[in-house]
Amino acid sequence: MNSEILYQQSRCIAHEIKNHLSICDLYSEIIKKRLDNAGFHDATIENALNCIKKSIKIMNNSLLDLKSLNNFKPENIDLAATLQQAVQMAQIYEYDKNIKIETDFKDNAIVYLDETKFLACIVNIIKNAIEAIDKKGKIKITLAIIDNFACIQISNNGTPISKEKQNEIFKEGFTTKKTGSGLGLHICEENLKAQNAKLKLLKSDKKETVFEIKISLLKES
């Protein structure tokens, strides 16, 4: 592997680790406060611990990517259950906001994907949606089966992406955030594309911003 490829890969991995370390750190604080204030079984603590475990798994998977350019381990996963898990993990980012996250899973499917990488992509997109909302708003996640595709839409009513920037958001290094690295959506698009899935921005206006993921349900011959 030449130095340029190694450099680019390392940047992408560092971005993923940064996102999920923040989840672990925030949930650790929640656990500490709960344990200080209550000496009994708490469902919130259980959920937090579960999210930490999932995040650690994602970080371990990302570290393996440093050794291989093709570190995909697809398996049959329950799409609705995985999306719900992503919602639970991403909710920590809204701890100081009033955001309602709605889910509408009209259909469901068992899809053949790398669960860890897919989960990381969904968490990243929901995190972006939360960050687009100032203090109060709504995020909606839908799932439907249309023409042999599992179609996932993630929408928010936060600050829209300007028309000038909408064609640039998936480019590596492009960001609309002051402290952003411009890697999140680029990594999501590449990881999904490698698994026969497609991520795109459907629209972004004053009413809502909508991202869509389409996953083929047809097995490759």
N, C-alpha and C. Protein backbone atom coordinates (compact mmCIF):
# COMPACT_ATOMS: atom_id res chain seq x y z
N MET A 1 0.85 -1.19 0.00
CA MET A 1 0.00 0.00 0.00
C MET A 1 0.89 1.25 0.00
N ASN A 2 0.66 2.20 -0.94
CA ASN A 2 1.51 3.38 -0.96
C ASN A 2 1.10 4.36 0.13
N SER A 3 1.94 5.37 0.36
CA SER A 3 1.73 6.28 1.48
C SER A 3 0.46 7.10 1.35
N GLU A 4 0.08 7.45 0.11
CA GLU A 4 -1.12 8.26 -0.09
C GLU A 4 -2.37 7.49 0.31
N ILE A 5 -2.46 6.23 -0.10
CA ILE A 5 -3.61 5.41 0.26
C ILE A 5 -3.67 5.22 1.77
N LEU A 6 -2.52 4.96 2.39
CA LEU A 6 -2.47 4.79 3.84
C LEU A 6 -2.91 6.05 4.57
N TYR A 7 -2.47 7.20 4.05
CA TYR A 7 -2.84 8.48 4.65
C TYR A 7 -4.35 8.71 4.58
N GLN A 8 -4.93 8.49 3.42
CA GLN A 8 -6.37 8.70 3.25
C GLN A 8 -7.18 7.74 4.12
N GLN A 9 -6.74 6.49 4.16
CA GLN A 9 -7.43 5.49 4.97
C GLN A 9 -7.36 5.85 6.45
N SER A 10 -6.21 6.31 6.91
CA SER A 10 -6.02 6.67 8.31
C SER A 10 -6.93 7.84 8.71
N ARG A 11 -7.09 8.81 7.82
CA ARG A 11 -7.96 9.95 8.09
C ARG A 11 -9.41 9.50 8.27
N CYS A 12 -9.84 8.61 7.40
CA CYS A 12 -11.22 8.11 7.48
C CYS A 12 -11.46 7.35 8.78
N ILE A 13 -10.48 6.51 9.13
CA ILE A 13 -10.61 5.72 10.36
C ILE A 13 -10.62 6.64 11.59
N ALA A 14 -9.76 7.64 11.59
CA ALA A 14 -9.70 8.57 12.72
C ALA A 14 -11.03 9.28 12.90
N HIS A 15 -11.70 9.60 11.80
CA HIS A 15 -13.00 10.26 11.89
C HIS A 15 -14.02 9.36 12.58
N GLU A 16 -14.06 8.10 12.18
CA GLU A 16 -15.02 7.16 12.78
C GLU A 16 -14.74 6.96 14.26
N ILE A 17 -13.48 6.80 14.62
CA ILE A 17 -13.12 6.60 16.01
C ILE A 17 -13.53 7.81 16.86
N LYS A 18 -13.31 9.00 16.32
CA LYS A 18 -13.66 10.22 17.03
C LYS A 18 -15.15 10.27 17.34
N ASN A 19 -15.98 9.96 16.36
CA ASN A 19 -17.43 9.96 16.56
C ASN A 19 -17.86 9.00 17.66
N HIS A 20 -17.35 7.80 17.63
CA HIS A 20 -17.83 6.77 18.55
C HIS A 20 -17.17 6.82 19.92
N LEU A 21 -15.98 7.39 19.99
CA LEU A 21 -15.39 7.65 21.31
C LEU A 21 -16.23 8.67 22.06
N SER A 22 -16.78 9.64 21.34
CA SER A 22 -17.62 10.65 21.98
C SER A 22 -18.87 10.02 22.56
N ILE A 23 -19.43 9.03 21.88
CA ILE A 23 -20.59 8.32 22.41
C ILE A 23 -20.23 7.63 23.72
N CYS A 24 -19.12 6.90 23.70
CA CYS A 24 -18.67 6.18 24.90
C CYS A 24 -18.44 7.14 26.07
N ASP A 25 -17.83 8.26 25.78
CA ASP A 25 -17.52 9.23 26.82
C ASP A 25 -18.78 9.80 27.45
N LEU A 26 -19.74 10.19 26.61
CA LEU A 26 -20.97 10.78 27.11
C LEU A 26 -21.80 9.78 27.91
N TYR A 27 -21.86 8.56 27.42
CA TYR A 27 -22.64 7.55 28.15
C TYR A 27 -21.95 7.16 29.46
N SER A 28 -20.66 7.20 29.48
CA SER A 28 -19.95 6.92 30.73
C SER A 28 -20.32 7.94 31.80
N GLU A 29 -20.49 9.19 31.38
CA GLU A 29 -20.91 10.23 32.32
C GLU A 29 -22.31 9.96 32.85
N ILE A 30 -23.18 9.51 31.96
CA ILE A 30 -24.55 9.19 32.37
C ILE A 30 -24.54 8.07 33.41
N ILE A 31 -23.76 7.03 33.13
CA ILE A 31 -23.68 5.89 34.05
C ILE A 31 -23.18 6.34 35.42
N LYS A 32 -22.14 7.14 35.41
CA LYS A 32 -21.57 7.63 36.68
C LYS A 32 -22.60 8.40 37.50
N LYS A 33 -23.33 9.30 36.87
CA LYS A 33 -24.32 10.10 37.58
C LYS A 33 -25.46 9.23 38.12
N ARG A 34 -25.89 8.26 37.30
CA ARG A 34 -26.96 7.37 37.73
C ARG A 34 -26.54 6.52 38.93
N LEU A 35 -25.32 6.03 38.88
CA LEU A 35 -24.82 5.20 39.98
C LEU A 35 -24.66 6.01 41.27
N ASP A 36 -24.30 7.27 41.12
CA ASP A 36 -24.16 8.14 42.28
C ASP A 36 -25.50 8.43 42.94
N ASN A 37 -26.51 8.56 42.12
CA ASN A 37 -27.82 8.97 42.63
C ASN A 37 -28.79 7.83 42.92
N ALA A 38 -28.49 6.65 42.42
CA ALA A 38 -29.42 5.53 42.63
C ALA A 38 -28.65 4.22 42.74
N GLY A 39 -28.98 3.47 43.75
CA GLY A 39 -28.30 2.21 43.94
C GLY A 39 -29.17 1.03 43.55
N PHE A 40 -29.88 1.17 42.46
CA PHE A 40 -30.76 0.08 42.05
C PHE A 40 -30.75 -0.08 40.53
N HIS A 41 -31.37 -1.14 40.08
CA HIS A 41 -31.46 -1.46 38.65
C HIS A 41 -32.13 -0.32 37.91
N ASP A 42 -31.55 0.08 36.76
CA ASP A 42 -32.09 1.19 35.98
C ASP A 42 -32.02 0.84 34.50
N ALA A 43 -33.15 0.91 33.81
CA ALA A 43 -33.21 0.55 32.38
C ALA A 43 -32.36 1.49 31.53
N THR A 44 -32.25 2.74 31.96
CA THR A 44 -31.45 3.70 31.21
C THR A 44 -29.98 3.29 31.20
N ILE A 45 -29.52 2.82 32.36
CA ILE A 45 -28.14 2.38 32.46
C ILE A 45 -27.90 1.17 31.57
N GLU A 46 -28.86 0.26 31.54
CA GLU A 46 -28.73 -0.91 30.68
C GLU A 46 -28.63 -0.50 29.22
N ASN A 47 -29.46 0.44 28.82
CA ASN A 47 -29.43 0.91 27.44
C ASN A 47 -28.10 1.58 27.12
N ALA A 48 -27.61 2.37 28.08
CA ALA A 48 -26.34 3.05 27.88
C ALA A 48 -25.20 2.05 27.71
N LEU A 49 -25.20 1.04 28.55
CA LEU A 49 -24.15 0.03 28.47
C LEU A 49 -24.20 -0.71 27.12
N ASN A 50 -25.41 -0.97 26.66
CA ASN A 50 -25.57 -1.63 25.38
C ASN A 50 -25.02 -0.78 24.25
N CYS A 51 -25.30 0.51 24.30
CA CYS A 51 -24.79 1.43 23.28
C CYS A 51 -23.27 1.53 23.31
N ILE A 52 -22.73 1.53 24.52
CA ILE A 52 -21.27 1.57 24.65
C ILE A 52 -20.64 0.33 24.02
N LYS A 53 -21.25 -0.82 24.28
CA LYS A 53 -20.74 -2.07 23.71
C LYS A 53 -20.77 -2.03 22.18
N LYS A 54 -21.86 -1.50 21.63
CA LYS A 54 -21.96 -1.40 20.17
C LYS A 54 -20.93 -0.43 19.61
N SER A 55 -20.72 0.65 20.31
CA SER A 55 -19.74 1.63 19.85
C SER A 55 -18.32 1.08 19.89
N ILE A 56 -18.03 0.32 20.92
CA ILE A 56 -16.71 -0.31 21.01
C ILE A 56 -16.51 -1.29 19.86
N LYS A 57 -17.58 -2.01 19.52
CA LYS A 57 -17.50 -2.93 18.39
C LYS A 57 -17.20 -2.17 17.10
N ILE A 58 -17.84 -1.05 16.93
CA ILE A 58 -17.60 -0.23 15.74
C ILE A 58 -16.16 0.26 15.70
N MET A 59 -15.65 0.69 16.86
CA MET A 59 -14.27 1.18 16.91
C MET A 59 -13.28 0.06 16.58
N ASN A 60 -13.53 -1.12 17.12
CA ASN A 60 -12.66 -2.26 16.82
C ASN A 60 -12.67 -2.59 15.34
N ASN A 61 -13.85 -2.52 14.74
CA ASN A 61 -13.97 -2.77 13.32
C ASN A 61 -13.20 -1.73 12.51
N SER A 62 -13.28 -0.48 12.95
CA SER A 62 -12.56 0.59 12.26
C SER A 62 -11.05 0.42 12.35
N LEU A 63 -10.60 -0.02 13.50
CA LEU A 63 -9.16 -0.25 13.66
C LEU A 63 -8.67 -1.36 12.72
N LEU A 64 -9.52 -2.36 12.50
CA LEU A 64 -9.16 -3.43 11.56
C LEU A 64 -9.02 -2.90 10.14
N ASP A 65 -9.75 -1.83 9.83
CA ASP A 65 -9.67 -1.23 8.50
C ASP A 65 -8.27 -0.69 8.21
N LEU A 66 -7.52 -0.39 9.26
CA LEU A 66 -6.15 0.09 9.05
C LEU A 66 -5.27 -0.99 8.43
N LYS A 67 -5.66 -2.25 8.63
CA LYS A 67 -4.86 -3.37 8.12
C LYS A 67 -5.35 -3.87 6.76
N SER A 68 -6.58 -3.51 6.42
CA SER A 68 -7.15 -4.04 5.18
C SER A 68 -8.05 -3.02 4.53
N LEU A 69 -8.01 -2.96 3.19
CA LEU A 69 -8.88 -2.07 2.44
C LEU A 69 -10.24 -2.71 2.18
N ASN A 70 -10.37 -3.98 2.51
CA ASN A 70 -11.62 -4.69 2.22
C ASN A 70 -12.09 -5.44 3.47
N ASN A 71 -12.30 -4.69 4.53
CA ASN A 71 -12.68 -5.29 5.80
C ASN A 71 -14.20 -5.31 5.95
N PHE A 72 -14.88 -5.96 5.03
CA PHE A 72 -16.33 -6.08 5.11
C PHE A 72 -16.70 -7.50 5.54
N LYS A 73 -17.60 -7.59 6.50
CA LYS A 73 -18.06 -8.89 6.99
C LYS A 73 -19.59 -8.91 6.94
N PRO A 74 -20.15 -9.07 5.74
CA PRO A 74 -21.61 -9.05 5.61
C PRO A 74 -22.27 -10.25 6.25
N GLU A 75 -23.48 -10.04 6.71
CA GLU A 75 -24.30 -11.09 7.29
C GLU A 75 -25.76 -10.69 7.12
N ASN A 76 -26.66 -11.61 7.35
CA ASN A 76 -28.09 -11.29 7.28
C ASN A 76 -28.49 -10.50 8.53
N ILE A 77 -29.01 -9.30 8.32
CA ILE A 77 -29.41 -8.47 9.47
C ILE A 77 -30.86 -8.02 9.31
N ASP A 78 -31.53 -7.85 10.44
CA ASP A 78 -32.89 -7.34 10.48
C ASP A 78 -32.81 -5.82 10.35
N LEU A 79 -33.32 -5.29 9.24
CA LEU A 79 -33.13 -3.87 8.94
C LEU A 79 -33.82 -2.96 9.95
N ALA A 80 -35.07 -3.24 10.28
CA ALA A 80 -35.81 -2.39 11.22
C ALA A 80 -35.16 -2.40 12.60
N ALA A 81 -34.74 -3.56 13.06
CA ALA A 81 -34.10 -3.67 14.37
C ALA A 81 -32.78 -2.90 14.40
N THR A 82 -32.03 -2.97 13.31
CA THR A 82 -30.75 -2.26 13.24
C THR A 82 -30.95 -0.75 13.21
N LEU A 83 -31.97 -0.30 12.49
CA LEU A 83 -32.29 1.14 12.46
C LEU A 83 -32.68 1.63 13.85
N GLN A 84 -33.47 0.84 14.56
CA GLN A 84 -33.89 1.22 15.91
C GLN A 84 -32.69 1.29 16.85
N GLN A 85 -31.75 0.39 16.64
CA GLN A 85 -30.53 0.39 17.45
C GLN A 85 -29.71 1.66 17.19
N ALA A 86 -29.66 2.07 15.93
CA ALA A 86 -28.94 3.30 15.57
C ALA A 86 -29.57 4.52 16.22
N VAL A 87 -30.90 4.55 16.28
CA VAL A 87 -31.61 5.65 16.94
C VAL A 87 -31.22 5.73 18.41
N GLN A 88 -31.19 4.60 19.09
CA GLN A 88 -30.83 4.57 20.50
C GLN A 88 -29.41 5.08 20.72
N MET A 89 -28.51 4.71 19.83
CA MET A 89 -27.12 5.15 19.97
C MET A 89 -26.96 6.64 19.70
N ALA A 90 -27.66 7.15 18.69
CA ALA A 90 -27.49 8.55 18.28
C ALA A 90 -28.18 9.53 19.20
N GLN A 91 -29.15 9.06 19.99
CA GLN A 91 -29.91 9.96 20.85
C GLN A 91 -29.05 10.71 21.85
N ILE A 92 -27.89 10.21 22.17
CA ILE A 92 -27.01 10.89 23.12
C ILE A 92 -26.61 12.27 22.61
N TYR A 93 -26.58 12.46 21.30
CA TYR A 93 -26.19 13.74 20.72
C TYR A 93 -27.24 14.83 20.93
N GLU A 94 -28.46 14.45 21.31
CA GLU A 94 -29.52 15.44 21.52
C GLU A 94 -29.74 15.73 23.00
N TYR A 95 -28.76 15.42 23.84
CA TYR A 95 -28.94 15.53 25.29
C TYR A 95 -29.28 16.95 25.75
N ASP A 96 -28.90 17.99 25.02
CA ASP A 96 -29.21 19.36 25.44
C ASP A 96 -30.21 20.03 24.50
N LYS A 97 -30.94 19.21 23.72
CA LYS A 97 -31.91 19.75 22.78
C LYS A 97 -33.28 19.09 22.99
N ASN A 98 -34.29 19.70 22.41
CA ASN A 98 -35.64 19.15 22.46
C ASN A 98 -35.99 18.64 21.06
N ILE A 99 -35.59 17.41 20.77
CA ILE A 99 -35.78 16.84 19.44
C ILE A 99 -36.60 15.56 19.54
N LYS A 100 -37.60 15.47 18.70
CA LYS A 100 -38.43 14.27 18.65
C LYS A 100 -37.99 13.43 17.47
N ILE A 101 -37.60 12.18 17.74
CA ILE A 101 -37.22 11.26 16.68
C ILE A 101 -38.34 10.26 16.47
N GLU A 102 -38.94 10.30 15.28
CA GLU A 102 -40.03 9.39 14.95
C GLU A 102 -39.54 8.30 14.00
N THR A 103 -40.08 7.11 14.14
CA THR A 103 -39.78 6.03 13.20
C THR A 103 -41.09 5.51 12.62
N ASP A 104 -41.06 5.21 11.33
CA ASP A 104 -42.23 4.69 10.63
C ASP A 104 -41.76 3.56 9.71
N PHE A 105 -41.79 2.35 10.23
CA PHE A 105 -41.32 1.20 9.47
C PHE A 105 -42.52 0.45 8.89
N LYS A 106 -42.94 0.87 7.70
CA LYS A 106 -44.10 0.24 7.05
C LYS A 106 -43.80 -1.20 6.67
N ASP A 107 -42.54 -1.45 6.30
CA ASP A 107 -42.11 -2.79 5.91
C ASP A 107 -40.82 -3.12 6.65
N ASN A 108 -40.36 -4.33 6.43
CA ASN A 108 -39.08 -4.74 6.98
C ASN A 108 -38.44 -5.74 6.03
N ALA A 109 -37.14 -5.95 6.20
CA ALA A 109 -36.44 -6.90 5.33
C ALA A 109 -35.20 -7.41 6.04
N ILE A 110 -34.80 -8.60 5.67
CA ILE A 110 -33.51 -9.13 6.09
C ILE A 110 -32.54 -8.83 4.95
N VAL A 111 -31.51 -8.05 5.24
CA VAL A 111 -30.56 -7.65 4.19
C VAL A 111 -29.17 -8.18 4.50
N TYR A 112 -28.37 -8.34 3.46
CA TYR A 112 -27.03 -8.91 3.59
C TYR A 112 -26.02 -7.75 3.58
N LEU A 113 -25.66 -7.29 4.78
CA LEU A 113 -24.77 -6.14 4.92
C LEU A 113 -23.81 -6.36 6.08
N ASP A 114 -22.75 -5.57 6.10
CA ASP A 114 -21.88 -5.51 7.27
C ASP A 114 -22.61 -4.67 8.31
N GLU A 115 -23.13 -5.32 9.35
CA GLU A 115 -23.96 -4.63 10.34
C GLU A 115 -23.22 -3.48 11.01
N THR A 116 -21.96 -3.68 11.35
CA THR A 116 -21.20 -2.67 12.07
C THR A 116 -21.01 -1.42 11.22
N LYS A 117 -20.63 -1.60 9.96
CA LYS A 117 -20.42 -0.44 9.08
C LYS A 117 -21.75 0.25 8.75
N PHE A 118 -22.80 -0.54 8.56
CA PHE A 118 -24.11 0.04 8.27
C PHE A 118 -24.61 0.85 9.47
N LEU A 119 -24.46 0.29 10.66
CA LEU A 119 -24.86 0.97 11.88
C LEU A 119 -24.12 2.30 12.03
N ALA A 120 -22.82 2.29 11.74
CA ALA A 120 -22.01 3.50 11.83
C ALA A 120 -22.52 4.57 10.87
N CYS A 121 -22.93 4.16 9.67
CA CYS A 121 -23.46 5.11 8.68
C CYS A 121 -24.75 5.76 9.17
N ILE A 122 -25.68 4.95 9.68
CA ILE A 122 -26.96 5.48 10.14
C ILE A 122 -26.77 6.41 11.34
N VAL A 123 -25.91 6.03 12.27
CA VAL A 123 -25.63 6.89 13.42
C VAL A 123 -25.07 8.23 12.94
N ASN A 124 -24.18 8.19 11.97
CA ASN A 124 -23.56 9.42 11.45
C ASN A 124 -24.61 10.34 10.82
N ILE A 125 -25.53 9.77 10.05
CA ILE A 125 -26.57 10.58 9.38
C ILE A 125 -27.54 11.17 10.40
N ILE A 126 -27.93 10.39 11.41
CA ILE A 126 -28.81 10.91 12.45
C ILE A 126 -28.10 11.99 13.25
N LYS A 127 -26.83 11.79 13.54
CA LYS A 127 -26.03 12.79 14.26
C LYS A 127 -26.01 14.11 13.48
N ASN A 128 -25.81 14.02 12.17
CA ASN A 128 -25.83 15.23 11.33
C ASN A 128 -27.19 15.92 11.40
N ALA A 129 -28.26 15.12 11.40
CA ALA A 129 -29.61 15.68 11.47
C ALA A 129 -29.81 16.41 12.79
N ILE A 130 -29.33 15.83 13.88
CA ILE A 130 -29.45 16.46 15.20
C ILE A 130 -28.68 17.78 15.22
N GLU A 131 -27.49 17.78 14.64
CA GLU A 131 -26.65 18.98 14.63
C GLU A 131 -27.24 20.08 13.75
N ALA A 132 -28.08 19.70 12.78
CA ALA A 132 -28.71 20.69 11.90
C ALA A 132 -29.84 21.43 12.61
N ILE A 133 -30.32 20.86 13.71
CA ILE A 133 -31.42 21.46 14.47
C ILE A 133 -30.84 22.27 15.62
N ASP A 134 -31.27 23.52 15.74
CA ASP A 134 -30.71 24.40 16.75
C ASP A 134 -31.05 23.92 18.16
N LYS A 135 -32.30 23.98 18.53
CA LYS A 135 -32.70 23.56 19.88
C LYS A 135 -33.90 22.62 19.87
N LYS A 136 -34.85 22.89 18.99
CA LYS A 136 -36.08 22.12 18.97
C LYS A 136 -36.43 21.74 17.53
N GLY A 137 -36.83 20.47 17.34
CA GLY A 137 -37.20 20.05 16.00
C GLY A 137 -37.58 18.58 15.95
N LYS A 138 -37.65 18.07 14.72
CA LYS A 138 -38.10 16.69 14.52
C LYS A 138 -37.24 15.98 13.49
N ILE A 139 -36.97 14.72 13.77
CA ILE A 139 -36.28 13.84 12.84
C ILE A 139 -37.19 12.64 12.59
N LYS A 140 -37.33 12.26 11.34
CA LYS A 140 -38.18 11.12 11.02
C LYS A 140 -37.41 10.11 10.20
N ILE A 141 -37.54 8.83 10.56
CA ILE A 141 -36.86 7.75 9.85
C ILE A 141 -37.92 6.78 9.35
N THR A 142 -37.95 6.57 8.05
CA THR A 142 -38.95 5.67 7.47
C THR A 142 -38.27 4.51 6.75
N LEU A 143 -38.99 3.41 6.65
CA LEU A 143 -38.50 2.22 5.95
C LEU A 143 -39.65 1.61 5.16
N ALA A 144 -39.42 1.42 3.86
CA ALA A 144 -40.45 0.82 3.00
C ALA A 144 -39.77 -0.01 1.92
N ILE A 145 -40.44 -1.04 1.44
CA ILE A 145 -39.93 -1.87 0.34
C ILE A 145 -40.59 -1.40 -0.95
N ILE A 146 -39.78 -0.96 -1.91
CA ILE A 146 -40.28 -0.46 -3.19
C ILE A 146 -39.46 -1.05 -4.33
N ASP A 147 -40.11 -1.81 -5.20
CA ASP A 147 -39.47 -2.36 -6.40
C ASP A 147 -38.15 -3.07 -6.10
N ASN A 148 -38.18 -4.02 -5.19
CA ASN A 148 -37.00 -4.82 -4.83
C ASN A 148 -35.87 -4.02 -4.19
N PHE A 149 -36.24 -2.90 -3.60
CA PHE A 149 -35.28 -2.10 -2.84
C PHE A 149 -35.86 -1.81 -1.46
N ALA A 150 -35.00 -1.88 -0.45
CA ALA A 150 -35.35 -1.37 0.87
C ALA A 150 -34.99 0.11 0.86
N CYS A 151 -35.99 0.96 1.04
CA CYS A 151 -35.78 2.41 0.96
C CYS A 151 -35.89 3.04 2.35
N ILE A 152 -34.79 3.60 2.80
CA ILE A 152 -34.74 4.26 4.10
C ILE A 152 -34.63 5.77 3.87
N GLN A 153 -35.47 6.52 4.52
CA GLN A 153 -35.37 7.98 4.44
C GLN A 153 -35.19 8.55 5.84
N ILE A 154 -34.23 9.47 5.96
CA ILE A 154 -33.95 10.13 7.23
C ILE A 154 -34.11 11.63 7.00
N SER A 155 -35.12 12.23 7.62
CA SER A 155 -35.40 13.65 7.39
C SER A 155 -35.30 14.45 8.68
N ASN A 156 -35.04 15.74 8.53
CA ASN A 156 -35.04 16.65 9.67
C ASN A 156 -35.53 18.02 9.22
N ASN A 157 -36.05 18.79 10.18
CA ASN A 157 -36.55 20.13 9.84
C ASN A 157 -35.62 21.22 10.37
N GLY A 158 -34.33 20.93 10.37
CA GLY A 158 -33.34 21.90 10.82
C GLY A 158 -32.88 22.83 9.71
N THR A 159 -31.72 23.42 9.91
CA THR A 159 -31.17 24.35 8.92
C THR A 159 -30.89 23.62 7.62
N PRO A 160 -31.42 24.12 6.49
CA PRO A 160 -31.21 23.43 5.21
C PRO A 160 -29.79 23.58 4.69
N ILE A 161 -29.41 22.68 3.80
CA ILE A 161 -28.12 22.77 3.10
C ILE A 161 -28.33 23.67 1.89
N SER A 162 -27.50 24.66 1.70
CA SER A 162 -27.68 25.60 0.60
C SER A 162 -27.59 24.88 -0.75
N LYS A 163 -28.29 25.40 -1.75
CA LYS A 163 -28.30 24.79 -3.08
C LYS A 163 -26.89 24.69 -3.66
N GLU A 164 -26.06 25.69 -3.35
CA GLU A 164 -24.69 25.70 -3.86
C GLU A 164 -23.86 24.55 -3.31
N LYS A 165 -24.21 24.09 -2.11
CA LYS A 165 -23.41 23.06 -1.45
C LYS A 165 -23.98 21.65 -1.59
N GLN A 166 -25.22 21.54 -2.08
CA GLN A 166 -25.87 20.24 -2.12
C GLN A 166 -25.16 19.23 -3.01
N ASN A 167 -24.51 19.68 -4.06
CA ASN A 167 -23.80 18.76 -4.97
C ASN A 167 -22.40 18.41 -4.48
N GLU A 168 -21.99 19.02 -3.36
CA GLU A 168 -20.62 18.83 -2.87
C GLU A 168 -20.53 17.99 -1.61
N ILE A 169 -21.67 17.71 -0.97
CA ILE A 169 -21.62 17.18 0.40
C ILE A 169 -21.00 15.79 0.52
N PHE A 170 -20.96 15.02 -0.56
CA PHE A 170 -20.38 13.68 -0.48
C PHE A 170 -18.90 13.65 -0.89
N LYS A 171 -18.37 14.81 -1.24
CA LYS A 171 -16.96 14.86 -1.63
C LYS A 171 -16.08 14.84 -0.39
N GLU A 172 -15.01 14.10 -0.48
CA GLU A 172 -14.08 14.00 0.65
C GLU A 172 -13.51 15.36 1.00
N GLY A 173 -13.56 15.72 2.28
CA GLY A 173 -13.01 16.98 2.74
C GLY A 173 -13.98 18.13 2.74
N PHE A 174 -15.16 17.95 2.14
CA PHE A 174 -16.14 19.04 2.10
C PHE A 174 -17.00 19.00 3.36
N THR A 175 -17.16 20.16 4.00
CA THR A 175 -17.97 20.23 5.22
C THR A 175 -18.69 21.56 5.31
N THR A 176 -19.85 21.56 5.96
CA THR A 176 -20.58 22.79 6.22
C THR A 176 -20.43 23.22 7.68
N LYS A 177 -19.66 22.42 8.46
CA LYS A 177 -19.48 22.71 9.89
C LYS A 177 -18.15 23.41 10.13
N LYS A 178 -18.12 24.26 11.15
CA LYS A 178 -16.90 24.98 11.49
C LYS A 178 -15.79 24.04 11.96
N THR A 179 -16.17 22.96 12.65
CA THR A 179 -15.17 22.02 13.17
C THR A 179 -15.24 20.67 12.48
N GLY A 180 -15.93 20.60 11.34
CA GLY A 180 -16.08 19.33 10.64
C GLY A 180 -14.85 18.93 9.86
N SER A 181 -14.72 17.63 9.59
CA SER A 181 -13.58 17.12 8.82
C SER A 181 -13.95 16.87 7.36
N GLY A 182 -15.25 16.86 7.06
CA GLY A 182 -15.66 16.58 5.69
C GLY A 182 -15.49 15.13 5.30
N LEU A 183 -15.54 14.23 6.27
CA LEU A 183 -15.33 12.82 5.99
C LEU A 183 -16.57 11.95 6.25
N GLY A 184 -17.46 12.42 7.11
CA GLY A 184 -18.58 11.59 7.53
C GLY A 184 -19.44 11.07 6.40
N LEU A 185 -20.02 11.96 5.61
CA LEU A 185 -20.90 11.54 4.52
C LEU A 185 -20.11 10.84 3.41
N HIS A 186 -18.87 11.23 3.22
CA HIS A 186 -18.03 10.57 2.23
C HIS A 186 -17.81 9.11 2.61
N ILE A 187 -17.50 8.85 3.87
CA ILE A 187 -17.30 7.49 4.35
C ILE A 187 -18.60 6.69 4.22
N CYS A 188 -19.72 7.31 4.62
CA CYS A 188 -21.02 6.63 4.53
C CYS A 188 -21.32 6.22 3.09
N GLU A 189 -21.14 7.14 2.16
CA GLU A 189 -21.43 6.85 0.76
C GLU A 189 -20.55 5.72 0.23
N GLU A 190 -19.26 5.76 0.56
CA GLU A 190 -18.33 4.74 0.07
C GLU A 190 -18.64 3.36 0.67
N ASN A 191 -18.91 3.33 1.97
CA ASN A 191 -19.20 2.05 2.62
C ASN A 191 -20.50 1.43 2.10
N LEU A 192 -21.50 2.25 1.86
CA LEU A 192 -22.76 1.74 1.33
C LEU A 192 -22.62 1.30 -0.12
N LYS A 193 -21.89 2.08 -0.90
CA LYS A 193 -21.68 1.73 -2.31
C LYS A 193 -20.97 0.38 -2.43
N ALA A 194 -20.04 0.12 -1.54
CA ALA A 194 -19.30 -1.15 -1.56
C ALA A 194 -20.19 -2.34 -1.21
N GLN A 195 -21.38 -2.05 -0.68
CA GLN A 195 -22.30 -3.13 -0.27
C GLN A 195 -23.59 -3.12 -1.09
N ASN A 196 -23.51 -2.63 -2.31
CA ASN A 196 -24.64 -2.63 -3.23
C ASN A 196 -25.80 -1.79 -2.71
N ALA A 197 -25.47 -0.69 -2.06
CA ALA A 197 -26.48 0.25 -1.56
C ALA A 197 -26.09 1.66 -1.99
N LYS A 198 -27.06 2.56 -2.01
CA LYS A 198 -26.79 3.91 -2.50
C LYS A 198 -27.35 4.94 -1.54
N LEU A 199 -26.53 5.95 -1.23
CA LEU A 199 -26.93 7.06 -0.38
C LEU A 199 -27.01 8.32 -1.22
N LYS A 200 -28.11 9.07 -1.08
CA LYS A 200 -28.21 10.34 -1.81
C LYS A 200 -29.05 11.33 -1.02
N LEU A 201 -28.86 12.61 -1.34
CA LEU A 201 -29.66 13.67 -0.77
C LEU A 201 -30.86 13.88 -1.68
N LEU A 202 -32.07 13.63 -1.16
CA LEU A 202 -33.28 13.81 -1.97
C LEU A 202 -33.64 15.27 -2.12
N LYS A 203 -33.59 15.99 -0.99
CA LYS A 203 -33.89 17.43 -1.04
C LYS A 203 -33.45 18.10 0.25
N SER A 204 -33.30 19.41 0.18
CA SER A 204 -33.00 20.20 1.37
C SER A 204 -33.53 21.60 1.14
N ASP A 205 -34.60 21.93 1.84
CA ASP A 205 -35.20 23.26 1.71
C ASP A 205 -35.63 23.74 3.09
N LYS A 206 -36.36 24.84 3.13
CA LYS A 206 -36.77 25.42 4.41
C LYS A 206 -37.67 24.49 5.22
N LYS A 207 -38.37 23.59 4.52
CA LYS A 207 -39.29 22.68 5.19
C LYS A 207 -38.57 21.49 5.79
N GLU A 208 -37.70 20.84 5.01
CA GLU A 208 -37.00 19.65 5.50
C GLU A 208 -35.81 19.27 4.63
N THR A 209 -34.90 18.51 5.24
CA THR A 209 -33.77 17.90 4.55
C THR A 209 -33.97 16.39 4.60
N VAL A 210 -33.87 15.74 3.44
CA VAL A 210 -34.15 14.31 3.38
C VAL A 210 -33.01 13.55 2.70
N PHE A 211 -32.42 12.60 3.43
CA PHE A 211 -31.44 11.68 2.85
C PHE A 211 -32.12 10.34 2.63
N GLU A 212 -31.72 9.65 1.56
CA GLU A 212 -32.30 8.34 1.26
C GLU A 212 -31.20 7.30 1.05
N ILE A 213 -31.43 6.12 1.60
CA ILE A 213 -30.56 4.97 1.36
C ILE A 213 -31.40 3.90 0.68
N LYS A 214 -30.93 3.42 -0.46
CA LYS A 214 -31.62 2.34 -1.17
C LYS A 214 -30.72 1.11 -1.17
N ILE A 215 -31.27 0.01 -0.65
CA ILE A 215 -30.52 -1.25 -0.56
C ILE A 215 -31.20 -2.29 -1.45
N SER A 216 -30.45 -2.82 -2.40
CA SER A 216 -31.01 -3.80 -3.30
C SER A 216 -31.33 -5.08 -2.55
N LEU A 217 -32.51 -5.63 -2.82
CA LEU A 217 -32.92 -6.88 -2.20
C LEU A 217 -32.68 -8.07 -3.14
N LEU A 218 -32.15 -7.79 -4.32
CA LEU A 218 -31.87 -8.84 -5.28
C LEU A 218 -30.46 -9.36 -5.07
N LYS A 219 -30.30 -10.66 -4.98
CA LYS A 219 -28.99 -11.25 -4.80
C LYS A 219 -28.22 -11.22 -6.12
N GLU A 220 -26.94 -10.87 -6.02
CA GLU A 220 -26.09 -10.85 -7.21
C GLU A 220 -25.87 -12.26 -7.73
N SER A 221 -25.97 -12.42 -9.06
CA SER A 221 -25.79 -13.74 -9.65
C SER A 221 -24.32 -14.08 -9.83
